[in-house]
Amino acid sequence: MPAKTLVECLSKAPQLDVICLGDMMLDRFVYGSVSRISPEAPVPVVKHLRTTEMPGGAGNVARNAASLGLKTILIGAVGDDSEGRALADLVGAIEGIESDLVAMRGRPTTLKTRFVASGQQLLRLDSETTEWIDDTTEDTIVATLQTGRETASAILISDYAKGGVTARLVQAAIDSARDRQATVIVDPKGSDYAKYGAVDIIKPNAHELSVVTELPTEADSEIEAALARAFELCDANAFVVTRAAKGMTYCTRGSAPVHRQGEARDVFDVSGAGDTSLAALGLGLAAGGSLDDAVSLALIASGIAVGKAGTAAVGADEVRERLIDRKRGSDGAQNLPDLLATIGAWRDAGLSIGFTNGCFDILHPGHLKVLEEARSRCGRLVVGLNSDASVKRLKGPTRPINDEAARARVLTGLTAVDAVVLFEQDTPAELIDAIKPDLLVKGGDYTIDKIVGADTVLARGGAVHIVPTLDGHSTTSTLSRASKEQT
């Protein structure tokens, strides 16, 4: 979405309504400690410490949507039992969720009980049925979707194959969304994606995509082939595939797949991470973002979720903080769209943006002086880095000594540098126009009228600062000394 930041999506959340529909379940966590093996069988003896319960399935999607700031309407079926009542009470206690839960007689509420010790799951016990909800319950849910939900900007369907997501309910959601141009996203289960009809987005994980297409989904090329097959099997307009540590891949019908890397995170518990990514996707699209923006939010939110215990909810403040503090570090240069989103988050947090540029072929004290002085004068420092082709045109065919990937990686490892972006042109003029820095810094014996982009920055009310050259330190002089020593 042009000129819109991911932080702006988050700020819009309190004005947006979303519907969460699907399989309801209760997640129970039994925590204990293990110090010995049972004498009766080779199994650990768990000393019970505490038990906690929280909404799972569509309930956890709603919990995450509300935590991200969305006004959330939860619709689904539970059993007429103690677990169903506990689930209703839990959902009712969450601020931002309005629930329409139908209690179905004779049907047990899905209960997942996880036994955890020392941060590790020892066992999961499932109590459930996978029979379809009855016609009366289905009629009630369809009627709820059709009346009084005109303000919802997205409908998030969570299918766990427990019988609560029928083809008729999916079609009712599509029909309900069509009139108000809302987005319908399905987190699928099973091998029949045709039952989801012409939904906007289906969001499987890589394994689920492999099952439905009967194709491998490890490498990027395999994901691409599987997506082509998936489009043949259903009428969905787009797919978003979650790929654990490999990030996500998304594809709109008729377009090439786009692969997005996630941020490296310590994984503590993956329970509910798919629910978190579904809620974040819904937020991004409901707020008017592009699919790429929504995927960016989902990557960040799910990355936070896996660092938490249990079916954890991720809050808007956590995502906002991650956006503000985002830095590539050893990963190297950012692409410009990602960088602009990050800069937007920094600005929303009241941080000024500084910019400097160069080849930075062989890093020396003169470079460090410019970077450190630039960083001391701004909230965040962005470095524009000449590409290899650009360096060759400027410095000659023997340069650069270090390629652009190596130069970017070294720069992003410096504490003074908050982001690096490559540019192919001979000057950074276009980059400066896009970034709109508050401060432009250049090293050397320049005058302001000779600095590319100075007029642009000054016209916007920004400042230009020149750092004097540090005598005896330049890439050219370093290379010259090295050449003389070799001879």
Protein backbone atom coordinates (compact mmCIF):
# COMPACT_ATOMS: atom_id res chain seq x y z
CA MET A 1 0.00 0.00 0.00
CA PRO A 2 1.70 3.21 -1.13
CA ALA A 3 2.85 5.58 1.63
CA LYS A 4 1.10 3.59 4.34
CA THR A 5 3.00 1.92 7.17
CA LEU A 6 2.34 -1.24 9.10
CA VAL A 7 2.06 0.88 12.22
CA GLU A 8 -0.80 2.74 10.55
CA CYS A 9 -2.57 -0.60 10.10
CA LEU A 10 -2.23 -1.22 13.82
CA SER A 11 -3.54 2.25 14.66
CA LYS A 12 -6.67 1.61 12.57
CA ALA A 13 -7.55 -1.61 14.40
CA PRO A 14 -9.86 -0.12 17.07
CA GLN A 15 -12.12 1.27 14.32
CA LEU A 16 -12.38 -2.07 12.50
CA ASP A 17 -14.73 -5.05 13.02
CA VAL A 18 -13.82 -8.61 12.07
CA ILE A 19 -15.74 -11.88 12.36
CA CYS A 20 -14.03 -15.05 13.56
CA LEU A 21 -15.92 -18.19 12.56
CA GLY A 22 -15.08 -21.85 12.90
CA ASP A 23 -14.23 -24.77 15.14
CA MET A 24 -14.35 -23.88 18.81
CA MET A 25 -12.14 -25.65 21.32
CA LEU A 26 -10.84 -25.36 24.85
CA ASP A 27 -7.08 -25.54 25.37
CA ARG A 28 -6.09 -26.85 28.78
CA PHE A 29 -2.49 -26.80 29.99
CA VAL A 30 -1.45 -28.97 32.92
CA TYR A 31 1.92 -27.80 34.23
CA GLY A 32 4.11 -29.90 36.48
CA SER A 33 7.63 -30.96 37.31
CA VAL A 34 9.40 -34.23 36.58
CA SER A 35 12.09 -35.64 38.84
CA ARG A 36 11.75 -39.40 38.41
CA ILE A 37 10.53 -42.23 36.21
CA SER A 38 7.54 -44.29 37.31
CA PRO A 39 8.35 -47.73 38.78
CA GLU A 40 5.18 -49.01 37.10
CA ALA A 41 6.22 -48.20 33.52
CA PRO A 42 9.03 -46.32 31.73
CA VAL A 43 7.18 -42.99 31.82
CA PRO A 44 7.89 -39.73 33.71
CA VAL A 45 6.00 -39.00 36.90
CA VAL A 46 4.55 -35.49 36.71
CA LYS A 47 4.01 -33.62 39.95
CA HIS A 48 1.07 -31.30 39.28
CA LEU A 49 1.75 -27.59 39.83
CA ARG A 50 -1.09 -25.73 38.13
CA THR A 51 -3.71 -25.93 35.39
CA THR A 52 -4.67 -23.12 33.02
CA GLU A 53 -7.33 -22.89 30.32
CA MET A 54 -7.74 -20.62 27.30
CA PRO A 55 -9.76 -20.46 24.08
CA GLY A 56 -8.40 -22.53 21.20
CA GLY A 57 -9.24 -22.81 17.52
CA ALA A 58 -11.48 -20.00 16.31
CA GLY A 59 -11.55 -18.74 19.89
CA ASN A 60 -7.80 -18.23 19.84
CA VAL A 61 -8.03 -16.44 16.49
CA ALA A 62 -10.58 -14.09 18.09
CA ARG A 63 -8.37 -13.67 21.14
CA ASN A 64 -5.44 -12.66 18.93
CA ALA A 65 -7.59 -10.35 16.81
CA ALA A 66 -8.85 -8.58 19.93
CA SER A 67 -5.30 -8.41 21.31
CA LEU A 68 -4.23 -6.68 18.10
CA GLY A 69 -6.93 -4.09 18.76
CA LEU A 70 -9.71 -5.28 16.45
CA LYS A 71 -13.35 -5.30 17.50
CA THR A 72 -14.03 -9.00 17.17
CA ILE A 73 -17.22 -11.03 16.73
CA LEU A 74 -16.82 -14.74 17.49
CA ILE A 75 -19.34 -17.13 15.93
CA GLY A 76 -19.39 -20.92 16.31
CA ALA A 77 -20.74 -24.00 18.04
CA VAL A 78 -19.79 -25.48 21.40
CA GLY A 79 -21.12 -28.45 23.30
CA ASP A 80 -23.76 -28.12 25.99
CA ASP A 81 -21.26 -29.22 28.63
CA SER A 82 -18.91 -27.88 31.29
CA GLU A 83 -16.12 -27.34 28.75
CA GLY A 84 -18.45 -25.34 26.52
CA ARG A 85 -19.53 -23.19 29.43
CA ALA A 86 -15.91 -22.69 30.52
CA LEU A 87 -15.03 -21.65 26.99
CA ALA A 88 -17.93 -19.18 26.85
CA ASP A 89 -16.83 -17.69 30.18
CA LEU A 90 -13.24 -17.33 29.01
CA VAL A 91 -14.23 -15.63 25.77
CA GLY A 92 -16.71 -13.39 27.58
CA ALA A 93 -13.96 -12.13 29.86
CA ILE A 94 -11.78 -10.92 26.96
CA GLU A 95 -12.17 -7.24 26.18
CA GLY A 96 -12.97 -6.58 22.55
CA ILE A 97 -14.78 -9.86 21.80
CA GLU A 98 -18.52 -10.17 21.26
CA SER A 99 -19.49 -13.84 21.09
CA ASP A 100 -22.42 -15.65 19.46
CA LEU A 101 -21.79 -19.24 20.55
CA VAL A 102 -24.42 -21.88 19.89
CA ALA A 103 -24.61 -24.64 22.51
CA MET A 104 -25.42 -27.90 20.70
CA ARG A 105 -26.93 -30.70 22.80
CA GLY A 106 -25.30 -34.10 22.60
CA ARG A 107 -22.08 -32.77 21.11
CA PRO A 108 -18.93 -32.52 23.26
CA THR A 109 -16.82 -29.39 23.19
CA THR A 110 -13.40 -30.12 21.72
CA LEU A 111 -10.86 -30.24 24.55
CA LYS A 112 -7.09 -30.39 24.05
CA THR A 113 -5.17 -31.11 27.24
CA ARG A 114 -1.41 -30.60 27.12
CA PHE A 115 0.88 -31.83 29.89
CA VAL A 116 3.96 -29.64 30.22
CA ALA A 117 7.11 -29.94 32.35
CA SER A 118 10.32 -27.91 32.17
CA GLY A 119 8.97 -26.03 29.19
CA GLN A 120 8.40 -29.20 27.16
CA GLN A 121 5.14 -30.87 26.16
CA LEU A 122 5.09 -34.44 27.42
CA LEU A 123 1.68 -35.46 26.13
CA ARG A 124 -1.44 -34.08 24.47
CA LEU A 125 -4.83 -35.66 25.15
CA ASP A 126 -7.71 -34.81 22.77
CA SER A 127 -11.37 -35.24 23.67
CA GLU A 128 -13.52 -34.44 20.66
CA THR A 129 -15.87 -35.42 17.87
CA THR A 130 -15.41 -34.71 14.19
CA GLU A 131 -19.07 -35.17 13.27
CA TRP A 132 -20.69 -32.29 11.41
CA ILE A 133 -22.75 -29.84 13.42
CA ASP A 134 -26.48 -30.53 13.04
CA ASP A 135 -28.79 -28.65 10.65
CA THR A 136 -30.40 -26.58 13.39
CA THR A 137 -27.05 -25.30 14.63
CA GLU A 138 -25.93 -24.62 11.08
CA ASP A 139 -29.15 -22.65 10.41
CA THR A 140 -28.55 -20.54 13.51
CA ILE A 141 -24.97 -19.70 12.54
CA VAL A 142 -25.97 -18.85 8.95
CA ALA A 143 -28.69 -16.51 10.25
CA THR A 144 -26.16 -14.84 12.57
CA LEU A 145 -23.81 -14.26 9.63
CA GLN A 146 -26.59 -12.81 7.50
CA THR A 147 -27.94 -10.29 10.01
CA GLY A 148 -26.37 -7.44 11.93
CA ARG A 149 -22.77 -7.91 10.72
CA GLU A 150 -22.64 -5.24 8.05
CA THR A 151 -19.62 -3.45 9.53
CA ALA A 152 -17.14 -6.36 9.50
CA SER A 153 -14.16 -5.72 7.21
CA ALA A 154 -12.92 -9.32 7.26
CA ILE A 155 -14.22 -12.79 8.05
CA LEU A 156 -11.61 -15.20 9.42
CA ILE A 157 -12.58 -18.86 9.18
CA SER A 158 -10.68 -21.32 11.34
CA ASP A 159 -11.19 -24.91 10.17
CA TYR A 160 -9.73 -27.59 12.45
CA ALA A 161 -11.75 -30.42 10.83
CA LYS A 162 -13.93 -30.82 13.94
CA GLY A 163 -17.18 -30.50 11.99
CA GLY A 164 -17.87 -26.83 12.71
CA VAL A 165 -16.95 -25.46 9.28
CA THR A 166 -19.34 -26.72 6.61
CA ALA A 167 -19.40 -25.79 2.94
CA ARG A 168 -22.71 -24.03 3.55
CA LEU A 169 -21.22 -21.89 6.33
CA VAL A 170 -18.28 -20.92 4.12
CA GLN A 171 -20.62 -19.90 1.32
CA ALA A 172 -22.74 -17.92 3.78
CA ALA A 173 -19.60 -16.08 4.88
CA ILE A 174 -18.68 -15.34 1.26
CA ASP A 175 -22.19 -14.07 0.52
CA SER A 176 -22.20 -11.98 3.69
CA ALA A 177 -18.83 -10.41 2.82
CA ARG A 178 -19.60 -9.71 -0.84
CA ASP A 179 -21.96 -6.77 -0.32
CA ARG A 180 -19.55 -4.83 1.90
CA GLN A 181 -16.37 -5.88 0.03
CA ALA A 182 -14.96 -7.63 3.08
CA THR A 183 -12.15 -10.16 2.84
CA VAL A 184 -12.74 -13.84 3.64
CA ILE A 185 -9.68 -15.82 4.78
CA VAL A 186 -9.74 -19.54 5.56
CA ASP A 187 -7.21 -21.43 7.64
CA PRO A 188 -7.91 -24.85 6.08
CA LYS A 189 -7.81 -28.46 7.13
CA GLY A 190 -8.22 -31.67 5.16
CA SER A 191 -7.68 -32.53 1.52
CA ASP A 192 -10.76 -30.88 -0.05
CA TYR A 193 -10.18 -27.18 -0.71
CA ALA A 194 -13.08 -27.06 -3.18
CA LYS A 195 -15.46 -26.82 -0.23
CA TYR A 196 -14.13 -23.33 0.49
CA GLY A 197 -15.60 -22.00 -2.74
CA ALA A 198 -14.44 -18.63 -4.05
CA VAL A 199 -12.89 -17.37 -0.82
CA ASP A 200 -10.38 -14.56 -1.07
CA ILE A 201 -7.49 -16.35 0.63
CA ILE A 202 -6.69 -19.87 1.80
CA LYS A 203 -3.87 -20.03 4.37
CA PRO A 204 -2.41 -23.56 4.68
CA ASN A 205 0.95 -24.47 6.13
CA ALA A 206 3.48 -26.16 3.86
CA HIS A 207 2.58 -29.66 5.08
CA GLU A 208 -1.14 -29.08 4.51
CA LEU A 209 -0.42 -27.78 1.01
CA SER A 210 1.63 -30.91 0.34
CA VAL A 211 -1.23 -33.16 1.48
CA VAL A 212 -3.88 -31.47 -0.65
CA THR A 213 -1.72 -31.29 -3.80
CA GLU A 214 0.21 -34.56 -3.29
CA LEU A 215 3.40 -32.64 -4.10
CA PRO A 216 6.54 -31.84 -2.06
CA THR A 217 6.72 -28.38 -0.49
CA GLU A 218 10.21 -27.98 0.94
CA ALA A 219 12.04 -25.81 -1.59
CA ASP A 220 10.73 -22.55 -3.06
CA SER A 221 10.39 -24.18 -6.46
CA GLU A 222 8.35 -27.02 -4.94
CA ILE A 223 6.04 -24.56 -3.20
CA GLU A 224 5.51 -22.78 -6.51
CA ALA A 225 4.56 -26.02 -8.28
CA ALA A 226 2.24 -27.02 -5.44
CA LEU A 227 0.53 -23.62 -5.54
CA ALA A 228 -0.08 -23.96 -9.27
CA ARG A 229 -1.75 -27.29 -8.57
CA ALA A 230 -3.74 -25.87 -5.64
CA PHE A 231 -5.28 -23.19 -7.83
CA GLU A 232 -6.50 -25.96 -10.13
CA LEU A 233 -8.22 -27.70 -7.23
CA CYS A 234 -10.27 -24.78 -5.92
CA ASP A 235 -11.70 -21.34 -6.73
CA ALA A 236 -9.75 -19.32 -4.15
CA ASN A 237 -8.32 -16.02 -5.33
CA ALA A 238 -5.05 -16.28 -3.37
CA PHE A 239 -2.95 -18.51 -1.13
CA VAL A 240 -0.70 -17.61 1.80
CA VAL A 241 1.50 -20.55 2.82
CA THR A 242 3.14 -20.53 6.24
CA ARG A 243 6.52 -22.28 6.16
CA ALA A 244 7.80 -22.19 9.76
CA ALA A 245 11.42 -20.98 9.81
CA LYS A 246 11.36 -20.40 6.04
CA GLY A 247 8.79 -17.63 6.38
CA MET A 248 5.75 -17.38 4.13
CA THR A 249 4.93 -17.59 0.44
CA TYR A 250 1.92 -15.85 -1.04
CA CYS A 251 0.41 -15.96 -4.49
CA THR A 252 -2.61 -14.37 -6.15
CA ARG A 253 -4.29 -16.29 -8.96
CA GLY A 254 -2.52 -15.50 -12.22
CA SER A 255 0.53 -13.94 -10.53
CA ALA A 256 3.97 -15.24 -9.61
CA PRO A 257 4.50 -16.46 -6.02
CA VAL A 258 6.33 -14.17 -3.61
CA HIS A 259 8.60 -15.68 -0.95
CA ARG A 260 9.02 -13.75 2.30
CA GLN A 261 11.56 -14.63 4.96
CA GLY A 262 10.61 -14.48 8.60
CA GLU A 263 12.74 -12.99 11.35
CA ALA A 264 15.01 -15.41 13.22
CA ARG A 265 13.39 -16.22 16.56
CA ASP A 266 13.93 -18.59 19.46
CA VAL A 267 11.03 -21.05 19.29
CA PHE A 268 9.50 -21.84 22.67
CA ASP A 269 6.05 -23.14 21.68
CA VAL A 270 4.35 -23.25 18.27
CA SER A 271 0.86 -23.81 19.73
CA GLY A 272 -1.55 -21.35 18.17
CA ALA A 273 1.00 -19.56 15.96
CA GLY A 274 -1.20 -20.25 12.93
CA ASP A 275 -4.12 -18.57 14.72
CA THR A 276 -1.93 -15.54 15.38
CA SER A 277 -0.88 -15.25 11.73
CA LEU A 278 -4.52 -15.56 10.60
CA ALA A 279 -5.56 -12.69 12.90
CA ALA A 280 -2.67 -10.52 11.72
CA LEU A 281 -3.47 -11.22 8.06
CA GLY A 282 -7.03 -10.17 8.74
CA LEU A 283 -5.89 -6.95 10.38
CA GLY A 284 -3.56 -6.01 7.53
CA LEU A 285 -6.23 -6.48 4.87
CA ALA A 286 -9.08 -5.00 6.92
CA ALA A 287 -6.96 -1.88 7.44
CA GLY A 288 -6.58 -1.42 3.68
CA GLY A 289 -3.11 -2.87 3.31
CA SER A 290 -1.86 -4.94 0.41
CA LEU A 291 -1.41 -8.68 0.69
CA ASP A 292 2.32 -8.07 1.08
CA ASP A 293 1.66 -5.71 4.00
CA ALA A 294 -0.66 -8.26 5.62
CA VAL A 295 1.96 -11.00 5.24
CA SER A 296 4.55 -8.69 6.85
CA LEU A 297 2.29 -8.26 9.88
CA ALA A 298 1.62 -12.00 10.02
CA LEU A 299 5.34 -12.81 9.93
CA ILE A 300 6.07 -10.44 12.78
CA ALA A 301 3.10 -11.50 14.92
CA SER A 302 3.64 -15.24 14.49
CA GLY A 303 7.35 -14.77 15.18
CA ILE A 304 6.43 -13.23 18.53
CA ALA A 305 3.87 -15.97 19.23
CA VAL A 306 6.33 -18.86 18.95
CA GLY A 307 8.46 -17.24 21.64
CA LYS A 308 5.61 -17.59 24.16
CA ALA A 309 4.25 -20.52 26.10
CA GLY A 310 0.85 -22.00 25.28
CA THR A 311 -1.71 -20.74 22.79
CA ALA A 312 -0.52 -17.19 23.33
CA ALA A 313 -2.08 -13.97 22.08
CA VAL A 314 0.11 -11.28 20.56
CA GLY A 315 -0.65 -7.66 21.35
CA ALA A 316 -0.56 -4.59 19.12
CA ASP A 317 2.08 -3.01 21.36
CA GLU A 318 4.38 -6.02 20.90
CA VAL A 319 4.08 -5.82 17.11
CA ARG A 320 4.53 -2.04 17.18
CA GLU A 321 7.65 -2.38 19.32
CA ARG A 322 9.08 -4.98 16.96
CA LEU A 323 8.47 -2.67 14.00
CA ILE A 324 10.16 0.22 15.75
CA ASP A 325 13.19 -1.80 16.81
CA ARG A 326 13.49 -3.77 13.60
CA LYS A 327 17.00 -4.04 12.23
CA ARG A 328 18.45 -6.50 9.77
CA GLY A 329 21.80 -6.90 11.52
CA SER A 330 23.83 -9.63 9.88
CA ASP A 331 21.13 -10.29 7.29
CA GLY A 332 22.38 -7.34 5.22
CA ALA A 333 20.44 -4.86 3.12
CA GLN A 334 16.68 -4.39 3.26
CA ASN A 335 14.55 -3.98 0.18
CA LEU A 336 13.07 -0.51 -0.19
CA PRO A 337 9.39 -1.37 0.56
CA ASP A 338 10.37 -3.09 3.84
CA LEU A 339 12.65 -0.21 4.72
CA LEU A 340 9.93 2.38 4.11
CA ALA A 341 7.58 0.44 6.39
CA THR A 342 10.27 0.35 9.08
CA ILE A 343 10.96 4.07 8.67
CA GLY A 344 7.24 4.74 9.03
CA ALA A 345 7.25 2.88 12.35
CA TRP A 346 10.29 4.83 13.52
CA ARG A 347 8.66 8.13 12.62
CA ASP A 348 5.42 7.14 14.35
CA ALA A 349 7.53 6.59 17.46
CA GLY A 350 8.89 10.14 17.21
CA LEU A 351 12.34 9.19 15.88
CA SER A 352 14.16 11.35 13.34
CA ILE A 353 15.68 9.68 10.27
CA GLY A 354 19.27 10.30 9.20
CA PHE A 355 20.77 9.25 5.86
CA THR A 356 24.26 8.89 4.47
CA ASN A 357 25.59 7.00 1.49
CA GLY A 358 28.72 5.61 -0.09
CA CYS A 359 30.52 2.58 -1.49
CA PHE A 360 32.05 1.53 1.87
CA ASP A 361 34.30 -0.89 -0.02
CA ILE A 362 36.99 -1.30 2.64
CA LEU A 363 35.74 0.01 5.98
CA HIS A 364 38.24 2.32 7.70
CA PRO A 365 38.28 4.88 10.58
CA GLY A 366 37.13 7.64 8.25
CA HIS A 367 33.96 5.70 7.50
CA LEU A 368 33.36 5.01 11.19
CA LYS A 369 33.74 8.70 12.03
CA VAL A 370 31.04 9.64 9.49
CA LEU A 371 28.67 6.89 10.59
CA GLU A 372 29.09 7.49 14.32
CA GLU A 373 28.72 11.25 14.01
CA ALA A 374 25.67 10.83 11.78
CA ARG A 375 24.03 8.44 14.24
CA SER A 376 24.67 10.83 17.13
CA ARG A 377 22.57 13.47 15.36
CA CYS A 378 19.45 11.40 14.58
CA GLY A 379 17.12 8.79 16.03
CA ARG A 380 17.79 6.15 13.36
CA LEU A 381 20.48 6.06 10.65
CA VAL A 382 19.91 4.63 7.17
CA VAL A 383 22.88 3.95 4.90
CA GLY A 384 22.46 3.99 1.13
CA LEU A 385 24.99 1.54 -0.33
CA ASN A 386 26.15 1.65 -3.95
CA SER A 387 25.56 -1.66 -5.73
CA ASP A 388 28.47 -3.52 -7.32
CA ALA A 389 27.54 -2.22 -10.78
CA SER A 390 27.32 1.33 -9.49
CA VAL A 391 30.75 1.08 -7.83
CA LYS A 392 32.33 -0.20 -11.05
CA ARG A 393 30.97 2.75 -12.99
CA LEU A 394 32.23 5.21 -10.37
CA LYS A 395 35.55 3.63 -9.33
CA GLY A 396 36.63 1.52 -12.30
CA PRO A 397 36.60 -2.15 -13.34
CA THR A 398 38.77 -3.38 -10.44
CA ARG A 399 36.29 -2.21 -7.81
CA PRO A 400 34.63 -3.09 -5.55
CA ILE A 401 37.06 -5.23 -3.64
CA ASN A 402 34.18 -6.61 -1.55
CA ASP A 403 30.85 -7.39 -3.15
CA GLU A 404 27.61 -5.67 -2.14
CA ALA A 405 26.43 -8.54 0.10
CA ALA A 406 29.67 -8.47 2.11
CA ARG A 407 29.68 -4.67 2.36
CA ALA A 408 26.06 -4.62 3.51
CA ARG A 409 26.66 -7.30 6.09
CA VAL A 410 29.61 -5.44 7.61
CA LEU A 411 27.64 -2.19 7.78
CA THR A 412 24.60 -3.73 9.44
CA GLY A 413 26.86 -5.22 12.06
CA LEU A 414 27.82 -1.73 13.27
CA THR A 415 25.91 -0.27 16.22
CA ALA A 416 25.80 3.11 14.48
CA VAL A 417 23.83 1.72 11.53
CA ASP A 418 20.12 0.95 11.82
CA ALA A 419 19.39 -0.07 8.22
CA VAL A 420 21.15 -0.51 4.88
CA VAL A 421 19.56 -0.27 1.45
CA LEU A 422 21.24 -0.81 -1.93
CA PHE A 423 20.86 1.55 -4.88
CA GLU A 424 21.80 0.89 -8.49
CA GLN A 425 22.06 4.48 -9.73
CA ASP A 426 25.25 6.56 -9.72
CA THR A 427 23.74 8.90 -7.12
CA PRO A 428 21.29 8.35 -4.24
CA ALA A 429 18.92 11.10 -5.44
CA GLU A 430 15.95 8.75 -6.04
CA LEU A 431 16.57 6.99 -2.73
CA ILE A 432 16.61 10.28 -0.83
CA ASP A 433 13.33 11.29 -2.51
CA ALA A 434 11.75 8.02 -1.31
CA ILE A 435 13.16 8.01 2.23
CA LYS A 436 12.70 11.75 2.92
CA PRO A 437 15.36 11.91 5.64
CA ASP A 438 15.32 14.59 8.33
CA LEU A 439 19.11 14.71 8.26
CA LEU A 440 21.52 14.18 5.37
CA VAL A 441 25.14 13.51 6.32
CA LYS A 442 28.15 13.45 4.04
CA GLY A 443 31.85 13.07 4.77
CA GLY A 444 34.61 14.96 2.99
CA ASP A 445 35.39 18.45 1.76
CA TYR A 446 31.97 19.06 0.24
CA THR A 447 29.93 22.23 0.20
CA ILE A 448 26.19 21.90 0.56
CA ASP A 449 25.55 22.87 -3.07
CA LYS A 450 27.66 19.90 -4.18
CA ILE A 451 25.89 17.26 -2.07
CA VAL A 452 23.34 15.17 -3.96
CA GLY A 453 19.92 15.46 -2.32
CA ALA A 454 20.80 18.43 -0.10
CA ASP A 455 18.33 20.70 -1.84
CA THR A 456 15.56 18.10 -1.43
CA VAL A 457 16.23 17.64 2.28
CA LEU A 458 16.52 21.37 2.98
CA ALA A 459 13.31 22.10 1.05
CA ARG A 460 11.44 19.73 3.36
CA GLY A 461 12.79 21.47 6.45
CA GLY A 462 15.57 18.97 7.09
CA ALA A 463 19.24 19.53 7.87
CA VAL A 464 22.51 18.74 6.11
CA HIS A 465 25.70 18.00 8.03
CA ILE A 466 29.22 17.56 6.65
CA VAL A 467 31.76 15.49 8.58
CA PRO A 468 35.36 16.60 7.86
CA THR A 469 37.64 14.03 6.27
CA LEU A 470 39.90 12.12 8.65
CA ASP A 471 43.40 12.68 7.25
CA GLY A 472 45.21 9.62 6.00
CA HIS A 473 42.17 7.39 5.83
CA SER A 474 40.47 6.54 2.55
CA THR A 475 39.81 3.38 0.57
CA THR A 476 42.05 4.62 -2.27
CA SER A 477 44.99 5.35 0.06
CA THR A 478 44.51 2.00 1.81
CA LEU A 479 44.62 0.13 -1.49
CA SER A 480 47.64 2.17 -2.61
CA ARG A 481 49.57 1.27 0.54
CA ALA A 482 48.66 -2.40 0.13
CA SER A 483 49.88 -2.34 -3.48
CA LYS A 484 53.24 -0.78 -2.50
CA GLU A 485 53.75 -3.32 0.27
CA GLN A 486 53.17 -6.17 -2.19
CA THR A 487 55.80 -4.76 -4.56
